[in-house]
Amino acid sequence: MSDWQPRRYKDYAWIVADPELLGGKLAIRGTRLSVELILECLSNGMSLNDIDDSFHKAFPHDALHEVLKVAAEFAGEYHVAA
């Protein structure tokens, strides 16, 4: 059995970013669920119960605040189209 652990993203406890997991997408520690997927589910009106039903209770609800914090972090970035 491997001792591999995905790399934490910044100082987040629940958010990881590692090329070995989901191609480096931001993911929820201990799962194969991306932050993007959870945000998409929420933006489409899914409740936490709906997410639990869809992903066999794989999403730890304690991670929700960090998922939203990451979304706010990226929404606050300023991008200029070339």
C-alpha atoms as a PDB file:
ATOM      1  CA  MET A   1       0.000   0.000   0.000  1.00  0.00           C
ATOM      2  CA  SER A   2       1.285   3.464  -0.921  1.00  0.00           C
ATOM      3  CA  ASP A   3       1.922   6.305   1.525  1.00  0.00           C
ATOM      4  CA  TRP A   4       1.151   8.850  -1.189  1.00  0.00           C
ATOM      5  CA  GLN A   5      -0.916  11.821  -0.095  1.00  0.00           C
ATOM      6  CA  PRO A   6      -2.051  14.613  -2.438  1.00  0.00           C
ATOM      7  CA  ARG A   7      -0.534  18.045  -1.893  1.00  0.00           C
ATOM      8  CA  ARG A   8      -2.560  20.526   0.083  1.00  0.00           C
ATOM      9  CA  TYR A   9      -3.683  23.644  -1.744  1.00  0.00           C
ATOM     10  CA  LYS A  10      -2.324  26.695   0.095  1.00  0.00           C
ATOM     11  CA  ASP A  11      -3.328  26.446   3.755  1.00  0.00           C
ATOM     12  CA  TYR A  12      -6.624  24.650   3.158  1.00  0.00           C
ATOM     13  CA  ALA A  13      -7.335  21.522   5.177  1.00  0.00           C
ATOM     14  CA  TRP A  14      -9.829  20.008   2.727  1.00  0.00           C
ATOM     15  CA  ILE A  15      -8.634  21.260  -0.660  1.00  0.00           C
ATOM     16  CA  VAL A  16      -5.783  19.511  -2.453  1.00  0.00           C
ATOM     17  CA  ALA A  17      -4.079  20.042  -5.814  1.00  0.00           C
ATOM     18  CA  ASP A  18      -1.795  17.330  -7.116  1.00  0.00           C
ATOM     19  CA  PRO A  19      -1.034  16.177 -10.674  1.00  0.00           C
ATOM     20  CA  GLU A  20      -1.571  12.595  -9.504  1.00  0.00           C
ATOM     21  CA  LEU A  21      -5.201  13.335  -8.596  1.00  0.00           C
ATOM     22  CA  LEU A  22      -7.699  14.480 -11.237  1.00  0.00           C
ATOM     23  CA  GLY A  23      -4.876  15.852 -13.367  1.00  0.00           C
ATOM     24  CA  GLY A  24      -4.073  18.532 -10.822  1.00  0.00           C
ATOM     25  CA  LYS A  25      -7.566  19.999 -10.535  1.00  0.00           C
ATOM     26  CA  LEU A  26      -8.526  21.290  -7.114  1.00  0.00           C
ATOM     27  CA  ALA A  27     -10.129  18.372  -5.305  1.00  0.00           C
ATOM     28  CA  ILE A  28     -11.643  17.481  -1.958  1.00  0.00           C
ATOM     29  CA  ARG A  29      -9.151  15.618   0.250  1.00  0.00           C
ATOM     30  CA  GLY A  30      -9.974  11.926   0.580  1.00  0.00           C
ATOM     31  CA  THR A  31     -12.218  11.879  -2.491  1.00  0.00           C
ATOM     32  CA  ARG A  32     -12.044  11.985  -6.266  1.00  0.00           C
ATOM     33  CA  LEU A  33     -14.486  14.907  -6.327  1.00  0.00           C
ATOM     34  CA  SER A  34     -13.246  18.174  -7.790  1.00  0.00           C
ATOM     35  CA  VAL A  35     -14.048  21.569  -6.336  1.00  0.00           C
ATOM     36  CA  GLU A  36     -15.378  22.457  -9.786  1.00  0.00           C
ATOM     37  CA  LEU A  37     -17.836  19.530  -9.704  1.00  0.00           C
ATOM     38  CA  ILE A  38     -19.195  20.467  -6.272  1.00  0.00           C
ATOM     39  CA  LEU A  39     -19.587  24.113  -7.317  1.00  0.00           C
ATOM     40  CA  GLU A  40     -21.354  23.049 -10.505  1.00  0.00           C
ATOM     41  CA  CYS A  41     -23.732  20.872  -8.501  1.00  0.00           C
ATOM     42  CA  LEU A  42     -24.520  23.735  -6.115  1.00  0.00           C
ATOM     43  CA  SER A  43     -24.958  26.241  -8.939  1.00  0.00           C
ATOM     44  CA  ASN A  44     -27.461  23.880 -10.568  1.00  0.00           C
ATOM     45  CA  GLY A  45     -29.572  23.909  -7.425  1.00  0.00           C
ATOM     46  CA  MET A  46     -28.489  20.640  -5.858  1.00  0.00           C
ATOM     47  CA  SER A  47     -28.680  20.445  -2.081  1.00  0.00           C
ATOM     48  CA  LEU A  48     -26.091  18.665   0.050  1.00  0.00           C
ATOM     49  CA  ASN A  49     -28.562  15.782   0.302  1.00  0.00           C
ATOM     50  CA  ASP A  50     -28.751  15.647  -3.510  1.00  0.00           C
ATOM     51  CA  ILE A  51     -24.938  15.623  -3.703  1.00  0.00           C
ATOM     52  CA  ASP A  52     -24.836  12.829  -1.109  1.00  0.00           C
ATOM     53  CA  ASP A  53     -27.320  10.790  -3.129  1.00  0.00           C
ATOM     54  CA  SER A  54     -25.433  11.381  -6.388  1.00  0.00           C
ATOM     55  CA  PHE A  55     -21.949  10.594  -5.079  1.00  0.00           C
ATOM     56  CA  HIS A  56     -22.670   7.925  -2.452  1.00  0.00           C
ATOM     57  CA  LYS A  57     -22.036  10.310   0.458  1.00  0.00           C
ATOM     58  CA  ALA A  58     -18.425  10.857  -0.686  1.00  0.00           C
ATOM     59  CA  PHE A  59     -18.522  14.638  -0.178  1.00  0.00           C
ATOM     60  CA  PRO A  60     -17.563  15.601   3.396  1.00  0.00           C
ATOM     61  CA  HIS A  61     -19.898  18.421   4.396  1.00  0.00           C
ATOM     62  CA  ASP A  62     -17.153  19.932   6.565  1.00  0.00           C
ATOM     63  CA  ALA A  63     -15.352  20.810   3.314  1.00  0.00           C
ATOM     64  CA  LEU A  64     -18.172  23.043   2.042  1.00  0.00           C
ATOM     65  CA  HIS A  65     -16.858  26.238   3.627  1.00  0.00           C
ATOM     66  CA  GLU A  66     -13.472  25.739   1.949  1.00  0.00           C
ATOM     67  CA  VAL A  67     -15.071  24.965  -1.430  1.00  0.00           C
ATOM     68  CA  LEU A  68     -16.939  28.276  -1.212  1.00  0.00           C
ATOM     69  CA  LYS A  69     -13.832  30.102   0.029  1.00  0.00           C
ATOM     70  CA  VAL A  70     -11.844  28.863  -2.991  1.00  0.00           C
ATOM     71  CA  ALA A  71     -14.671  30.005  -5.292  1.00  0.00           C
ATOM     72  CA  ALA A  72     -14.619  33.461  -3.695  1.00  0.00           C
ATOM     73  CA  GLU A  73     -10.832  33.573  -4.017  1.00  0.00           C
ATOM     74  CA  PHE A  74     -10.974  32.876  -7.745  1.00  0.00           C
ATOM     75  CA  ALA A  75     -13.960  35.169  -8.311  1.00  0.00           C
ATOM     76  CA  GLY A  76     -11.978  37.989  -6.749  1.00  0.00           C
ATOM     77  CA  GLU A  77      -9.057  37.597  -9.151  1.00  0.00           C
ATOM     78  CA  TYR A  78      -8.797  40.193 -11.870  1.00  0.00           C
ATOM     79  CA  HIS A  79      -8.381  38.821 -15.396  1.00  0.00           C
ATOM     80  CA  VAL A  80      -7.836  40.822 -18.548  1.00  0.00           C
ATOM     81  CA  ALA A  81      -8.669  39.229 -21.874  1.00  0.00           C
ATOM     82  CA  ALA A  82      -6.006  39.795 -24.524  1.00  0.00           C
END
